[in-house]
Amino acid sequence: MELNPLLEPIAPFPVMASLRRADIPAVKGLIADVVLEFYADLDFLPKTRSGLLAHYDAVGYLQDIDAFETEYAEANGLFLVLQDASGVIGCGGLRRISADQGELVRLWLRKEARGRGYGGMLVREILVASDRIGYREVLLDTSKRCVAAISLFRKSGFHEVPKYKESIGDVFMGKKSPKRGLA
């Protein structure tokens, strides 16, 4: 007899931890998988995970993850990985733009992990780190294609801001730190 999927036991809650060197291949694979989900129609991107990862290696797109010990050092930010029994299901980072500004980057969740509050967990931890570091503002860029992400950012207190960097992103958002009197 086959069980109703709605009645199957719920998997244990995922574990959030700082990125480790051993996590890098799985994190890069997650990013490639989600990029292909949202951007497969873009002509300049390869259409397979291995092709996209090779392209990213050639252009240095994921070099920040390879150099996470410096790019996301505790004094400047962090890079979080969310894992469950199936492996890496999400990630997100915070890195320094300036002494007063951090940037929320690489917030990606596997399709099956979305809508469960995991993105909000990652964003909250990133904002806690931002306050600990002393950033007055956190910025991010995303795409109009990522409707659920934009909704999550708005629920987390982000609002649209002018373009602050060169990016293929077409939505730029920011959030002032309430701990710095700038809410």
N, C-alpha and C. Protein backbone atom coordinates (compact mmCIF):
# COMPACT_ATOMS: atom_id res chain seq x y z
N MET A 1 0.83 -1.17 0.00
CA MET A 1 0.00 0.00 0.00
C MET A 1 0.88 1.24 0.00
N GLU A 2 0.59 2.20 -0.88
CA GLU A 2 1.35 3.43 -0.96
C GLU A 2 0.75 4.47 -0.02
N LEU A 3 1.63 5.15 0.74
CA LEU A 3 1.16 6.17 1.66
C LEU A 3 0.84 7.46 0.94
N ASN A 4 -0.12 8.17 1.45
CA ASN A 4 -0.41 9.51 0.98
C ASN A 4 0.79 10.38 1.32
N PRO A 5 1.38 11.09 0.36
CA PRO A 5 2.56 11.90 0.65
C PRO A 5 2.30 12.93 1.75
N LEU A 6 1.06 13.36 1.91
CA LEU A 6 0.75 14.33 2.96
C LEU A 6 0.81 13.70 4.34
N LEU A 7 0.76 12.38 4.41
CA LEU A 7 0.79 11.69 5.69
C LEU A 7 2.15 11.10 6.02
N GLU A 8 3.09 11.19 5.10
CA GLU A 8 4.43 10.66 5.37
C GLU A 8 5.10 11.48 6.46
N PRO A 9 5.97 10.86 7.22
CA PRO A 9 6.65 11.59 8.30
C PRO A 9 7.43 12.78 7.75
N ILE A 10 7.45 13.84 8.53
CA ILE A 10 8.19 15.04 8.15
C ILE A 10 9.66 14.80 8.44
N ALA A 11 10.51 15.19 7.49
CA ALA A 11 11.96 15.03 7.66
C ALA A 11 12.42 15.91 8.81
N PRO A 12 13.52 15.53 9.47
CA PRO A 12 14.06 16.36 10.54
C PRO A 12 14.38 17.76 10.02
N PHE A 13 14.27 18.71 10.91
CA PHE A 13 14.56 20.10 10.58
C PHE A 13 15.99 20.21 10.07
N PRO A 14 16.24 21.02 9.06
CA PRO A 14 17.59 21.13 8.52
C PRO A 14 18.55 21.81 9.51
N VAL A 15 19.82 21.59 9.28
CA VAL A 15 20.89 22.15 10.10
C VAL A 15 21.54 23.30 9.34
N MET A 16 21.73 24.42 10.03
CA MET A 16 22.41 25.57 9.45
C MET A 16 23.79 25.66 10.09
N ALA A 17 24.81 25.84 9.25
CA ALA A 17 26.18 25.94 9.75
C ALA A 17 27.00 26.80 8.80
N SER A 18 28.14 27.22 9.28
CA SER A 18 29.06 27.97 8.43
C SER A 18 29.62 27.07 7.34
N LEU A 19 29.89 27.66 6.20
CA LEU A 19 30.48 26.93 5.07
C LEU A 19 31.81 26.32 5.48
N ARG A 20 32.01 25.07 5.09
CA ARG A 20 33.28 24.36 5.26
C ARG A 20 33.82 24.03 3.87
N ARG A 21 35.11 23.87 3.77
CA ARG A 21 35.73 23.56 2.48
C ARG A 21 35.07 22.34 1.84
N ALA A 22 34.71 21.34 2.64
CA ALA A 22 34.09 20.12 2.10
C ALA A 22 32.71 20.39 1.49
N ASP A 23 32.07 21.50 1.87
CA ASP A 23 30.75 21.84 1.36
C ASP A 23 30.78 22.50 -0.01
N ILE A 24 31.94 22.99 -0.43
CA ILE A 24 32.01 23.82 -1.63
C ILE A 24 31.42 23.15 -2.88
N PRO A 25 31.78 21.91 -3.20
CA PRO A 25 31.18 21.32 -4.41
C PRO A 25 29.64 21.25 -4.36
N ALA A 26 29.09 20.91 -3.20
CA ALA A 26 27.63 20.83 -3.08
C ALA A 26 26.99 22.21 -3.17
N VAL A 27 27.63 23.23 -2.60
CA VAL A 27 27.09 24.59 -2.67
C VAL A 27 27.13 25.09 -4.11
N LYS A 28 28.24 24.85 -4.80
CA LYS A 28 28.31 25.26 -6.20
C LYS A 28 27.28 24.52 -7.05
N GLY A 29 27.07 23.25 -6.76
CA GLY A 29 26.05 22.47 -7.47
C GLY A 29 24.66 23.03 -7.22
N LEU A 30 24.37 23.38 -5.98
CA LEU A 30 23.08 24.00 -5.65
C LEU A 30 22.89 25.28 -6.45
N ILE A 31 23.89 26.14 -6.45
CA ILE A 31 23.78 27.41 -7.17
C ILE A 31 23.54 27.15 -8.65
N ALA A 32 24.29 26.23 -9.24
CA ALA A 32 24.11 25.92 -10.66
C ALA A 32 22.70 25.39 -10.94
N ASP A 33 22.22 24.51 -10.09
CA ASP A 33 20.88 23.94 -10.29
C ASP A 33 19.80 25.02 -10.25
N VAL A 34 19.90 25.94 -9.28
CA VAL A 34 18.87 26.97 -9.16
C VAL A 34 19.00 28.00 -10.28
N VAL A 35 20.22 28.33 -10.66
CA VAL A 35 20.41 29.24 -11.80
C VAL A 35 19.77 28.63 -13.06
N LEU A 36 19.98 27.35 -13.29
CA LEU A 36 19.37 26.71 -14.46
C LEU A 36 17.85 26.71 -14.37
N GLU A 37 17.33 26.58 -13.17
CA GLU A 37 15.87 26.62 -12.99
C GLU A 37 15.30 27.98 -13.39
N PHE A 38 15.95 29.05 -13.00
CA PHE A 38 15.42 30.39 -13.24
C PHE A 38 15.89 31.05 -14.53
N TYR A 39 17.08 30.66 -15.02
CA TYR A 39 17.70 31.40 -16.12
C TYR A 39 18.10 30.54 -17.31
N ALA A 40 17.54 29.35 -17.44
CA ALA A 40 17.92 28.45 -18.53
C ALA A 40 17.65 29.05 -19.91
N ASP A 41 16.76 30.03 -19.98
CA ASP A 41 16.42 30.63 -21.28
C ASP A 41 17.45 31.67 -21.75
N LEU A 42 18.40 32.03 -20.90
CA LEU A 42 19.41 33.02 -21.30
C LEU A 42 20.42 32.37 -22.23
N ASP A 43 20.57 32.93 -23.41
CA ASP A 43 21.41 32.34 -24.45
C ASP A 43 22.87 32.18 -24.05
N PHE A 44 23.39 33.08 -23.23
CA PHE A 44 24.81 33.04 -22.90
C PHE A 44 25.18 32.00 -21.85
N LEU A 45 24.19 31.36 -21.23
CA LEU A 45 24.47 30.37 -20.20
C LEU A 45 24.42 28.95 -20.76
N PRO A 46 25.38 28.11 -20.39
CA PRO A 46 25.29 26.68 -20.74
C PRO A 46 24.02 26.08 -20.14
N LYS A 47 23.57 25.00 -20.71
CA LYS A 47 22.27 24.43 -20.34
C LYS A 47 22.35 23.21 -19.44
N THR A 48 23.56 22.84 -19.01
CA THR A 48 23.71 21.71 -18.09
C THR A 48 24.46 22.16 -16.85
N ARG A 49 24.29 21.41 -15.77
CA ARG A 49 24.98 21.74 -14.52
C ARG A 49 26.49 21.74 -14.73
N SER A 50 27.02 20.67 -15.34
CA SER A 50 28.48 20.60 -15.53
C SER A 50 28.97 21.71 -16.45
N GLY A 51 28.20 22.01 -17.49
CA GLY A 51 28.58 23.09 -18.40
C GLY A 51 28.56 24.45 -17.70
N LEU A 52 27.54 24.66 -16.89
CA LEU A 52 27.45 25.93 -16.17
C LEU A 52 28.57 26.06 -15.14
N LEU A 53 28.87 24.98 -14.43
CA LEU A 53 29.98 25.04 -13.46
C LEU A 53 31.31 25.28 -14.15
N ALA A 54 31.53 24.67 -15.31
CA ALA A 54 32.76 24.91 -16.07
C ALA A 54 32.82 26.37 -16.52
N HIS A 55 31.70 26.89 -16.98
CA HIS A 55 31.63 28.31 -17.39
C HIS A 55 31.95 29.21 -16.19
N TYR A 56 31.34 28.93 -15.05
CA TYR A 56 31.59 29.73 -13.85
C TYR A 56 33.06 29.67 -13.43
N ASP A 57 33.67 28.49 -13.53
CA ASP A 57 35.11 28.38 -13.22
C ASP A 57 35.93 29.24 -14.18
N ALA A 58 35.58 29.21 -15.47
CA ALA A 58 36.34 29.96 -16.48
C ALA A 58 36.24 31.46 -16.27
N VAL A 59 35.08 31.95 -15.84
CA VAL A 59 34.89 33.40 -15.67
C VAL A 59 35.08 33.86 -14.23
N GLY A 60 35.31 32.93 -13.31
CA GLY A 60 35.53 33.29 -11.92
C GLY A 60 34.30 33.70 -11.15
N TYR A 61 33.13 33.31 -11.63
CA TYR A 61 31.88 33.74 -11.01
C TYR A 61 31.72 33.25 -9.57
N LEU A 62 32.25 32.10 -9.25
CA LEU A 62 32.10 31.55 -7.90
C LEU A 62 33.41 31.59 -7.11
N GLN A 63 34.34 32.45 -7.51
CA GLN A 63 35.63 32.50 -6.83
C GLN A 63 35.50 32.95 -5.37
N ASP A 64 34.45 33.70 -5.05
CA ASP A 64 34.25 34.10 -3.66
C ASP A 64 34.00 32.88 -2.76
N ILE A 65 33.36 31.86 -3.30
CA ILE A 65 33.11 30.66 -2.52
C ILE A 65 34.40 29.88 -2.32
N ASP A 66 35.22 29.81 -3.36
CA ASP A 66 36.52 29.15 -3.22
C ASP A 66 37.38 29.84 -2.17
N ALA A 67 37.26 31.16 -2.06
CA ALA A 67 38.06 31.96 -1.12
C ALA A 67 37.21 32.39 0.07
N PHE A 68 36.30 31.53 0.51
CA PHE A 68 35.34 31.93 1.55
C PHE A 68 36.02 32.34 2.85
N GLU A 69 37.18 31.79 3.17
CA GLU A 69 37.84 32.14 4.43
C GLU A 69 38.18 33.63 4.50
N THR A 70 38.47 34.23 3.36
CA THR A 70 38.75 35.67 3.33
C THR A 70 37.53 36.48 2.91
N GLU A 71 36.82 36.03 1.91
CA GLU A 71 35.65 36.77 1.41
C GLU A 71 34.54 36.90 2.46
N TYR A 72 34.39 35.87 3.27
CA TYR A 72 33.31 35.85 4.26
C TYR A 72 33.87 35.69 5.68
N ALA A 73 35.04 36.27 5.92
CA ALA A 73 35.67 36.18 7.24
C ALA A 73 34.73 36.75 8.30
N GLU A 74 34.81 36.21 9.50
CA GLU A 74 33.89 36.57 10.58
C GLU A 74 33.84 38.07 10.84
N ALA A 75 34.94 38.77 10.70
CA ALA A 75 34.96 40.22 10.94
C ALA A 75 34.20 40.98 9.86
N ASN A 76 33.99 40.37 8.69
CA ASN A 76 33.35 41.03 7.56
C ASN A 76 31.99 40.46 7.19
N GLY A 77 31.72 39.22 7.57
CA GLY A 77 30.49 38.58 7.15
C GLY A 77 30.44 37.12 7.55
N LEU A 78 29.75 36.34 6.76
CA LEU A 78 29.66 34.90 6.97
C LEU A 78 29.04 34.27 5.74
N PHE A 79 29.18 32.96 5.63
CA PHE A 79 28.51 32.21 4.57
C PHE A 79 27.90 30.99 5.22
N LEU A 80 26.57 30.88 5.11
CA LEU A 80 25.83 29.81 5.77
C LEU A 80 25.38 28.76 4.76
N VAL A 81 25.34 27.52 5.24
CA VAL A 81 24.87 26.39 4.44
C VAL A 81 23.76 25.71 5.22
N LEU A 82 22.68 25.41 4.54
CA LEU A 82 21.54 24.72 5.14
C LEU A 82 21.51 23.31 4.56
N GLN A 83 21.53 22.30 5.45
CA GLN A 83 21.57 20.90 5.00
C GLN A 83 20.50 20.09 5.70
N ASP A 84 19.97 19.12 4.96
CA ASP A 84 19.11 18.12 5.56
C ASP A 84 19.67 16.75 5.16
N ALA A 85 18.90 15.71 5.37
CA ALA A 85 19.39 14.35 5.08
C ALA A 85 19.75 14.17 3.61
N SER A 86 19.16 14.97 2.72
CA SER A 86 19.45 14.84 1.29
C SER A 86 20.71 15.58 0.86
N GLY A 87 21.23 16.45 1.72
CA GLY A 87 22.42 17.24 1.39
C GLY A 87 22.15 18.72 1.53
N VAL A 88 22.91 19.52 0.79
CA VAL A 88 22.78 20.97 0.84
C VAL A 88 21.48 21.39 0.16
N ILE A 89 20.65 22.11 0.91
CA ILE A 89 19.36 22.56 0.36
C ILE A 89 19.27 24.07 0.27
N GLY A 90 20.24 24.77 0.84
CA GLY A 90 20.21 26.22 0.79
C GLY A 90 21.53 26.83 1.23
N CYS A 91 21.69 28.11 0.89
CA CYS A 91 22.88 28.83 1.31
C CYS A 91 22.61 30.32 1.25
N GLY A 92 23.47 31.08 1.86
CA GLY A 92 23.38 32.53 1.81
C GLY A 92 24.57 33.14 2.51
N GLY A 93 24.96 34.32 2.07
CA GLY A 93 26.14 34.95 2.66
C GLY A 93 25.96 36.43 2.91
N LEU A 94 26.90 36.96 3.67
CA LEU A 94 27.02 38.38 3.95
C LEU A 94 28.47 38.74 3.76
N ARG A 95 28.71 39.78 2.96
CA ARG A 95 30.09 40.23 2.79
C ARG A 95 30.14 41.75 2.84
N ARG A 96 31.32 42.26 3.10
CA ARG A 96 31.54 43.69 3.27
C ARG A 96 31.54 44.40 1.93
N ILE A 97 30.80 45.51 1.87
CA ILE A 97 30.89 46.45 0.76
C ILE A 97 31.77 47.62 1.21
N SER A 98 31.49 48.12 2.42
CA SER A 98 32.27 49.21 3.01
C SER A 98 32.19 49.03 4.53
N ALA A 99 32.81 49.94 5.27
CA ALA A 99 32.77 49.83 6.73
C ALA A 99 31.35 49.88 7.27
N ASP A 100 30.44 50.55 6.56
CA ASP A 100 29.06 50.72 7.03
C ASP A 100 28.05 49.84 6.31
N GLN A 101 28.46 49.17 5.23
CA GLN A 101 27.50 48.41 4.43
C GLN A 101 27.97 46.98 4.19
N GLY A 102 27.02 46.08 4.35
CA GLY A 102 27.23 44.70 3.98
C GLY A 102 26.32 44.36 2.81
N GLU A 103 26.60 43.22 2.19
CA GLU A 103 25.77 42.78 1.07
C GLU A 103 25.31 41.35 1.31
N LEU A 104 24.01 41.13 1.24
CA LEU A 104 23.44 39.80 1.31
C LEU A 104 23.62 39.18 -0.08
N VAL A 105 24.30 38.06 -0.14
CA VAL A 105 24.63 37.43 -1.42
C VAL A 105 24.31 35.94 -1.41
N ARG A 106 24.14 35.42 -2.60
CA ARG A 106 24.05 33.97 -2.84
C ARG A 106 23.00 33.27 -1.99
N LEU A 107 21.84 33.92 -1.82
CA LEU A 107 20.74 33.27 -1.13
C LEU A 107 20.03 32.39 -2.16
N TRP A 108 20.24 31.09 -2.04
CA TRP A 108 19.67 30.12 -2.96
C TRP A 108 19.06 28.97 -2.16
N LEU A 109 17.90 28.52 -2.60
CA LEU A 109 17.24 27.36 -1.99
C LEU A 109 16.78 26.41 -3.08
N ARG A 110 16.97 25.13 -2.84
CA ARG A 110 16.41 24.14 -3.76
C ARG A 110 14.89 24.29 -3.79
N LYS A 111 14.31 23.96 -4.91
CA LYS A 111 12.86 24.10 -5.12
C LYS A 111 12.07 23.43 -3.99
N GLU A 112 12.46 22.21 -3.64
CA GLU A 112 11.71 21.46 -2.63
C GLU A 112 11.88 22.03 -1.22
N ALA A 113 12.82 22.94 -1.03
CA ALA A 113 13.04 23.55 0.29
C ALA A 113 12.33 24.90 0.42
N ARG A 114 11.77 25.40 -0.67
CA ARG A 114 11.12 26.71 -0.63
C ARG A 114 9.74 26.63 0.00
N GLY A 115 9.31 27.74 0.57
CA GLY A 115 7.99 27.81 1.18
C GLY A 115 7.91 27.17 2.55
N ARG A 116 9.03 26.88 3.16
CA ARG A 116 9.06 26.22 4.47
C ARG A 116 9.68 27.10 5.56
N GLY A 117 10.00 28.34 5.19
CA GLY A 117 10.59 29.25 6.16
C GLY A 117 12.11 29.22 6.22
N TYR A 118 12.73 28.38 5.40
CA TYR A 118 14.19 28.26 5.45
C TYR A 118 14.89 29.50 4.93
N GLY A 119 14.34 30.13 3.90
CA GLY A 119 14.92 31.37 3.40
C GLY A 119 14.89 32.44 4.47
N GLY A 120 13.78 32.52 5.19
CA GLY A 120 13.67 33.48 6.28
C GLY A 120 14.68 33.21 7.38
N MET A 121 14.92 31.93 7.67
CA MET A 121 15.94 31.57 8.68
C MET A 121 17.30 32.10 8.26
N LEU A 122 17.66 31.87 6.99
CA LEU A 122 18.95 32.34 6.50
C LEU A 122 19.04 33.86 6.56
N VAL A 123 18.01 34.55 6.10
CA VAL A 123 18.02 36.01 6.11
C VAL A 123 18.16 36.53 7.54
N ARG A 124 17.41 35.97 8.49
CA ARG A 124 17.50 36.42 9.88
C ARG A 124 18.91 36.25 10.43
N GLU A 125 19.54 35.12 10.17
CA GLU A 125 20.91 34.90 10.66
C GLU A 125 21.89 35.88 10.01
N ILE A 126 21.68 36.16 8.74
CA ILE A 126 22.54 37.12 8.04
C ILE A 126 22.37 38.51 8.64
N LEU A 127 21.15 38.90 8.96
CA LEU A 127 20.90 40.22 9.56
C LEU A 127 21.46 40.30 10.98
N VAL A 128 21.39 39.22 11.73
CA VAL A 128 22.01 39.18 13.06
C VAL A 128 23.52 39.39 12.93
N ALA A 129 24.13 38.73 11.98
CA ALA A 129 25.57 38.90 11.76
C ALA A 129 25.89 40.33 11.35
N SER A 130 25.05 40.92 10.52
CA SER A 130 25.25 42.30 10.10
C SER A 130 25.25 43.25 11.30
N ASP A 131 24.31 43.04 12.20
CA ASP A 131 24.26 43.87 13.41
C ASP A 131 25.49 43.64 14.29
N ARG A 132 25.92 42.38 14.41
CA ARG A 132 27.10 42.07 15.22
C ARG A 132 28.34 42.76 14.66
N ILE A 133 28.46 42.77 13.35
CA ILE A 133 29.62 43.39 12.69
C ILE A 133 29.55 44.91 12.77
N GLY A 134 28.33 45.45 12.76
CA GLY A 134 28.15 46.89 12.86
C GLY A 134 27.78 47.58 11.57
N TYR A 135 27.31 46.82 10.58
CA TYR A 135 26.87 47.46 9.34
C TYR A 135 25.63 48.31 9.61
N ARG A 136 25.58 49.47 9.01
CA ARG A 136 24.42 50.36 9.13
C ARG A 136 23.34 49.97 8.12
N GLU A 137 23.75 49.26 7.06
CA GLU A 137 22.82 48.91 5.99
C GLU A 137 23.27 47.61 5.32
N VAL A 138 22.30 46.82 4.90
CA VAL A 138 22.56 45.62 4.11
C VAL A 138 21.88 45.81 2.76
N LEU A 139 22.63 45.61 1.69
CA LEU A 139 22.12 45.72 0.33
C LEU A 139 22.08 44.35 -0.32
N LEU A 140 21.32 44.22 -1.40
CA LEU A 140 21.29 42.98 -2.17
C LEU A 140 20.81 43.28 -3.57
N ASP A 141 21.12 42.37 -4.48
CA ASP A 141 20.51 42.44 -5.81
C ASP A 141 19.92 41.08 -6.13
N THR A 142 18.86 41.11 -6.90
CA THR A 142 18.17 39.89 -7.31
C THR A 142 17.54 40.15 -8.67
N SER A 143 16.63 39.29 -9.04
CA SER A 143 15.99 39.38 -10.34
C SER A 143 14.47 39.40 -10.19
N LYS A 144 13.81 40.09 -11.09
CA LYS A 144 12.35 40.08 -11.12
C LYS A 144 11.81 38.67 -11.29
N ARG A 145 12.62 37.78 -11.82
CA ARG A 145 12.21 36.39 -12.00
C ARG A 145 12.03 35.68 -10.66
N CYS A 146 12.69 36.16 -9.64
CA CYS A 146 12.70 35.52 -8.32
C CYS A 146 11.63 36.16 -7.43
N VAL A 147 10.38 35.98 -7.80
CA VAL A 147 9.25 36.63 -7.15
C VAL A 147 9.18 36.27 -5.67
N ALA A 148 9.35 35.00 -5.34
CA ALA A 148 9.26 34.58 -3.93
C ALA A 148 10.40 35.18 -3.12
N ALA A 149 11.58 35.29 -3.70
CA ALA A 149 12.70 35.90 -2.98
C ALA A 149 12.43 37.37 -2.71
N ILE A 150 11.92 38.08 -3.69
CA ILE A 150 11.60 39.50 -3.49
C ILE A 150 10.57 39.65 -2.38
N SER A 151 9.58 38.79 -2.36
CA SER A 151 8.57 38.81 -1.30
C SER A 151 9.21 38.56 0.07
N LEU A 152 10.09 37.58 0.15
CA LEU A 152 10.81 37.28 1.39
C LEU A 152 11.61 38.50 1.85
N PHE A 153 12.32 39.14 0.93
CA PHE A 153 13.12 40.30 1.30
C PHE A 153 12.23 41.43 1.81
N ARG A 154 11.10 41.66 1.16
CA ARG A 154 10.18 42.71 1.62
C ARG A 154 9.65 42.38 3.01
N LYS A 155 9.27 41.13 3.24
CA LYS A 155 8.79 40.72 4.57
C LYS A 155 9.88 40.89 5.62
N SER A 156 11.14 40.81 5.20
CA SER A 156 12.28 40.95 6.11
C SER A 156 12.70 42.40 6.30
N GLY A 157 11.95 43.34 5.69
CA GLY A 157 12.21 44.76 5.89
C GLY A 157 13.03 45.44 4.81
N PHE A 158 13.34 44.74 3.74
CA PHE A 158 14.09 45.34 2.64
C PHE A 158 13.14 46.15 1.75
N HIS A 159 13.68 47.18 1.13
CA HIS A 159 12.92 48.00 0.18
C HIS A 159 13.81 48.27 -1.02
N GLU A 160 13.20 48.64 -2.13
CA GLU A 160 14.00 48.89 -3.34
C GLU A 160 14.85 50.14 -3.17
N VAL A 161 16.07 50.05 -3.69
CA VAL A 161 17.04 51.15 -3.65
C VAL A 161 17.62 51.32 -5.05
N PRO A 162 18.29 52.45 -5.30
CA PRO A 162 18.94 52.62 -6.61
C PRO A 162 20.02 51.55 -6.83
N LYS A 163 20.30 51.27 -8.08
CA LYS A 163 21.34 50.32 -8.45
C LYS A 163 22.65 50.74 -7.81
N TYR A 164 23.30 49.85 -7.07
CA TYR A 164 24.52 50.19 -6.35
C TYR A 164 25.77 49.51 -6.90
N LYS A 165 25.59 48.65 -7.91
CA LYS A 165 26.74 47.98 -8.51
C LYS A 165 26.35 47.47 -9.88
N GLU A 166 27.35 47.11 -10.67
CA GLU A 166 27.10 46.46 -11.96
C GLU A 166 26.69 45.02 -11.68
N SER A 167 25.59 44.59 -12.30
CA SER A 167 25.06 43.25 -12.04
C SER A 167 24.05 42.91 -13.12
N ILE A 168 23.84 41.61 -13.33
CA ILE A 168 22.75 41.22 -14.22
C ILE A 168 21.42 41.29 -13.48
N GLY A 169 21.49 41.49 -12.16
CA GLY A 169 20.27 41.67 -11.38
C GLY A 169 19.53 42.91 -11.84
N ASP A 170 18.20 42.87 -11.71
CA ASP A 170 17.41 44.03 -12.10
C ASP A 170 16.54 44.56 -10.95
N VAL A 171 16.78 44.03 -9.76
CA VAL A 171 16.12 44.53 -8.55
C VAL A 171 17.20 44.72 -7.50
N PHE A 172 17.26 45.92 -6.94
CA PHE A 172 18.24 46.25 -5.91
C PHE A 172 17.47 46.66 -4.66
N MET A 173 17.86 46.09 -3.52
CA MET A 173 17.13 46.33 -2.28
C MET A 173 18.10 46.62 -1.15
N GLY A 174 17.59 47.27 -0.11
CA GLY A 174 18.40 47.57 1.04
C GLY A 174 17.57 47.58 2.31
N LYS A 175 18.26 47.44 3.42
CA LYS A 175 17.62 47.49 4.73
C LYS A 175 18.58 48.17 5.69
N LYS A 176 18.11 49.22 6.35
CA LYS A 176 18.89 49.91 7.38
C LYS A 176 18.84 49.10 8.66
N SER A 177 19.88 49.18 9.45
CA SER A 177 19.93 48.46 10.71
C SER A 177 19.11 49.16 11.78
N PRO A 178 18.16 48.47 12.40
CA PRO A 178 17.40 49.10 13.48
C PRO A 178 18.29 49.35 14.71
N LYS A 179 19.38 48.60 14.84
CA LYS A 179 20.27 48.76 15.99
C LYS A 179 21.16 50.00 15.84
N ARG A 180 21.18 50.59 14.68
CA ARG A 180 21.99 51.78 14.43
C ARG A 180 21.10 53.02 14.37
N GLY A 181 19.82 52.88 14.75
CA GLY A 181 18.90 54.01 14.76
C GLY A 181 18.47 54.47 13.37
N LEU A 182 18.51 53.54 12.41
CA LEU A 182 18.22 53.92 11.03
C LEU A 182 17.07 53.12 10.44
N ALA A 183 16.26 52.55 11.27
CA ALA A 183 15.18 51.67 10.76
C ALA A 183 14.21 52.42 9.88
